Amino acid sequence: MKTEKSPIVLTITEGPIAESPLAETPGLEYDNARLLHYLARYGLVLNRKSGYVEWRPDNPDHPRNWTAKRKAYDILVVLFFELFT
């Protein structure tokens, strides 16, 4: 038996999202705790002031936290595809 899950929608009272038509859409269910749980699972945080989802500073998946070897490899892959395609 399938159970229906409520949509994950964020309640923002200020910033660009609060001023958008989405903020006044009727029928949306709000579950901020669930949203924050999913963000934390992927190493993300919610900037409550701007309403944007951002990387956590200590997240190893954030490109700024990659090793020099990983960055060099990714640059070489991009250059290879740019030069040969």
C-alpha atoms as a PDB file:
ATOM      1  CA  MET A   1       0.000   0.000   0.000  1.00  0.00           C
ATOM      2  CA  LYS A   2       1.410   3.381  -1.017  1.00  0.00           C
ATOM      3  CA  THR A   3       1.270   6.226   1.414  1.00  0.00           C
ATOM      4  CA  GLU A   4       1.058   9.747   0.103  1.00  0.00           C
ATOM      5  CA  LYS A   5       3.610  12.152   1.427  1.00  0.00           C
ATOM      6  CA  SER A   6       2.860  15.801   1.822  1.00  0.00           C
ATOM      7  CA  PRO A   7       4.888  18.127  -0.394  1.00  0.00           C
ATOM      8  CA  ILE A   8       8.009  19.677   1.048  1.00  0.00           C
ATOM      9  CA  VAL A   9       7.525  23.411   0.840  1.00  0.00           C
ATOM     10  CA  LEU A  10       9.309  26.064   2.832  1.00  0.00           C
ATOM     11  CA  THR A  11       7.694  28.912   4.693  1.00  0.00           C
ATOM     12  CA  ILE A  12       9.685  32.117   4.163  1.00  0.00           C
ATOM     13  CA  THR A  13       8.456  35.372   5.611  1.00  0.00           C
ATOM     14  CA  GLU A  14      11.032  37.670   4.015  1.00  0.00           C
ATOM     15  CA  GLY A  15      13.264  37.751   0.944  1.00  0.00           C
ATOM     16  CA  PRO A  16      12.637  36.896  -2.712  1.00  0.00           C
ATOM     17  CA  ILE A  17      10.573  33.766  -2.089  1.00  0.00           C
ATOM     18  CA  ALA A  18       8.175  35.565   0.260  1.00  0.00           C
ATOM     19  CA  GLU A  19       7.523  38.136  -2.453  1.00  0.00           C
ATOM     20  CA  SER A  20       6.829  35.543  -5.159  1.00  0.00           C
ATOM     21  CA  PRO A  21       3.400  34.153  -6.127  1.00  0.00           C
ATOM     22  CA  LEU A  22       4.447  30.796  -4.625  1.00  0.00           C
ATOM     23  CA  ALA A  23       4.162  32.289  -1.136  1.00  0.00           C
ATOM     24  CA  GLU A  24       0.428  32.854  -1.639  1.00  0.00           C
ATOM     25  CA  THR A  25      -0.427  29.538  -3.322  1.00  0.00           C
ATOM     26  CA  PRO A  26      -3.394  27.941  -1.514  1.00  0.00           C
ATOM     27  CA  GLY A  27      -3.349  24.278  -0.567  1.00  0.00           C
ATOM     28  CA  LEU A  28       0.371  23.896   0.033  1.00  0.00           C
ATOM     29  CA  GLU A  29       1.351  22.004   3.140  1.00  0.00           C
ATOM     30  CA  TYR A  30       4.369  23.242   5.027  1.00  0.00           C
ATOM     31  CA  ASP A  31       6.788  20.901   6.720  1.00  0.00           C
ATOM     32  CA  ASN A  32       9.934  22.858   7.534  1.00  0.00           C
ATOM     33  CA  ALA A  33      11.420  20.212   9.820  1.00  0.00           C
ATOM     34  CA  ARG A  34      11.258  17.626   7.058  1.00  0.00           C
ATOM     35  CA  LEU A  35      12.836  20.001   4.542  1.00  0.00           C
ATOM     36  CA  LEU A  36      15.670  20.850   6.913  1.00  0.00           C
ATOM     37  CA  HIS A  37      16.237  17.112   7.497  1.00  0.00           C
ATOM     38  CA  TYR A  38      16.658  16.496   3.757  1.00  0.00           C
ATOM     39  CA  LEU A  39      18.953  19.484   3.371  1.00  0.00           C
ATOM     40  CA  ALA A  40      21.135  18.276   6.235  1.00  0.00           C
ATOM     41  CA  ARG A  41      21.340  14.807   4.691  1.00  0.00           C
ATOM     42  CA  TYR A  42      22.937  16.279   1.554  1.00  0.00           C
ATOM     43  CA  GLY A  43      25.213  18.733   3.366  1.00  0.00           C
ATOM     44  CA  LEU A  44      23.126  21.785   2.614  1.00  0.00           C
ATOM     45  CA  VAL A  45      21.733  24.569   4.780  1.00  0.00           C
ATOM     46  CA  LEU A  46      18.968  27.075   4.341  1.00  0.00           C
ATOM     47  CA  ASN A  47      19.911  30.736   4.469  1.00  0.00           C
ATOM     48  CA  ARG A  48      16.788  32.010   6.196  1.00  0.00           C
ATOM     49  CA  LYS A  49      17.506  35.633   5.369  1.00  0.00           C
ATOM     50  CA  SER A  50      17.785  35.202   1.594  1.00  0.00           C
ATOM     51  CA  GLY A  51      15.747  32.008   1.225  1.00  0.00           C
ATOM     52  CA  TYR A  52      18.513  30.284  -0.760  1.00  0.00           C
ATOM     53  CA  VAL A  53      19.832  26.778  -0.206  1.00  0.00           C
ATOM     54  CA  GLU A  54      23.602  26.826   0.276  1.00  0.00           C
ATOM     55  CA  TRP A  55      26.424  24.369   0.874  1.00  0.00           C
ATOM     56  CA  ARG A  56      27.485  23.723   4.442  1.00  0.00           C
ATOM     57  CA  PRO A  57      31.076  25.071   4.783  1.00  0.00           C
ATOM     58  CA  ASP A  58      32.435  21.689   5.948  1.00  0.00           C
ATOM     59  CA  ASN A  59      30.712  19.632   3.219  1.00  0.00           C
ATOM     60  CA  PRO A  60      33.324  17.508   1.362  1.00  0.00           C
ATOM     61  CA  ASP A  61      31.110  17.508  -1.759  1.00  0.00           C
ATOM     62  CA  HIS A  62      31.367  21.299  -2.049  1.00  0.00           C
ATOM     63  CA  PRO A  63      33.749  22.090  -4.950  1.00  0.00           C
ATOM     64  CA  ARG A  64      35.673  24.543  -2.747  1.00  0.00           C
ATOM     65  CA  ASN A  65      36.553  21.662  -0.415  1.00  0.00           C
ATOM     66  CA  TRP A  66      37.827  19.302  -3.118  1.00  0.00           C
ATOM     67  CA  THR A  67      41.471  18.275  -3.111  1.00  0.00           C
ATOM     68  CA  ALA A  68      43.869  19.841  -5.628  1.00  0.00           C
ATOM     69  CA  LYS A  69      44.058  16.459  -7.400  1.00  0.00           C
ATOM     70  CA  ARG A  70      40.283  16.327  -7.851  1.00  0.00           C
ATOM     71  CA  LYS A  71      40.146  19.916  -9.129  1.00  0.00           C
ATOM     72  CA  ALA A  72      42.973  19.272 -11.613  1.00  0.00           C
ATOM     73  CA  TYR A  73      41.241  16.121 -12.871  1.00  0.00           C
ATOM     74  CA  ASP A  74      37.956  17.944 -13.419  1.00  0.00           C
ATOM     75  CA  ILE A  75      39.699  20.787 -15.259  1.00  0.00           C
ATOM     76  CA  LEU A  76      41.452  18.278 -17.527  1.00  0.00           C
ATOM     77  CA  VAL A  77      38.185  16.519 -18.324  1.00  0.00           C
ATOM     78  CA  VAL A  78      36.522  19.809 -19.268  1.00  0.00           C
ATOM     79  CA  LEU A  79      39.513  20.855 -21.391  1.00  0.00           C
ATOM     80  CA  PHE A  80      39.570  17.482 -23.137  1.00  0.00           C
ATOM     81  CA  PHE A  81      35.913  17.777 -24.114  1.00  0.00           C
ATOM     82  CA  GLU A  82      36.318  21.406 -25.174  1.00  0.00           C
ATOM     83  CA  LEU A  83      39.323  20.683 -27.394  1.00  0.00           C
ATOM     84  CA  PHE A  84      38.131  17.446 -28.974  1.00  0.00           C
ATOM     85  CA  THR A  85      34.405  17.971 -29.481  1.00  0.00           C
END
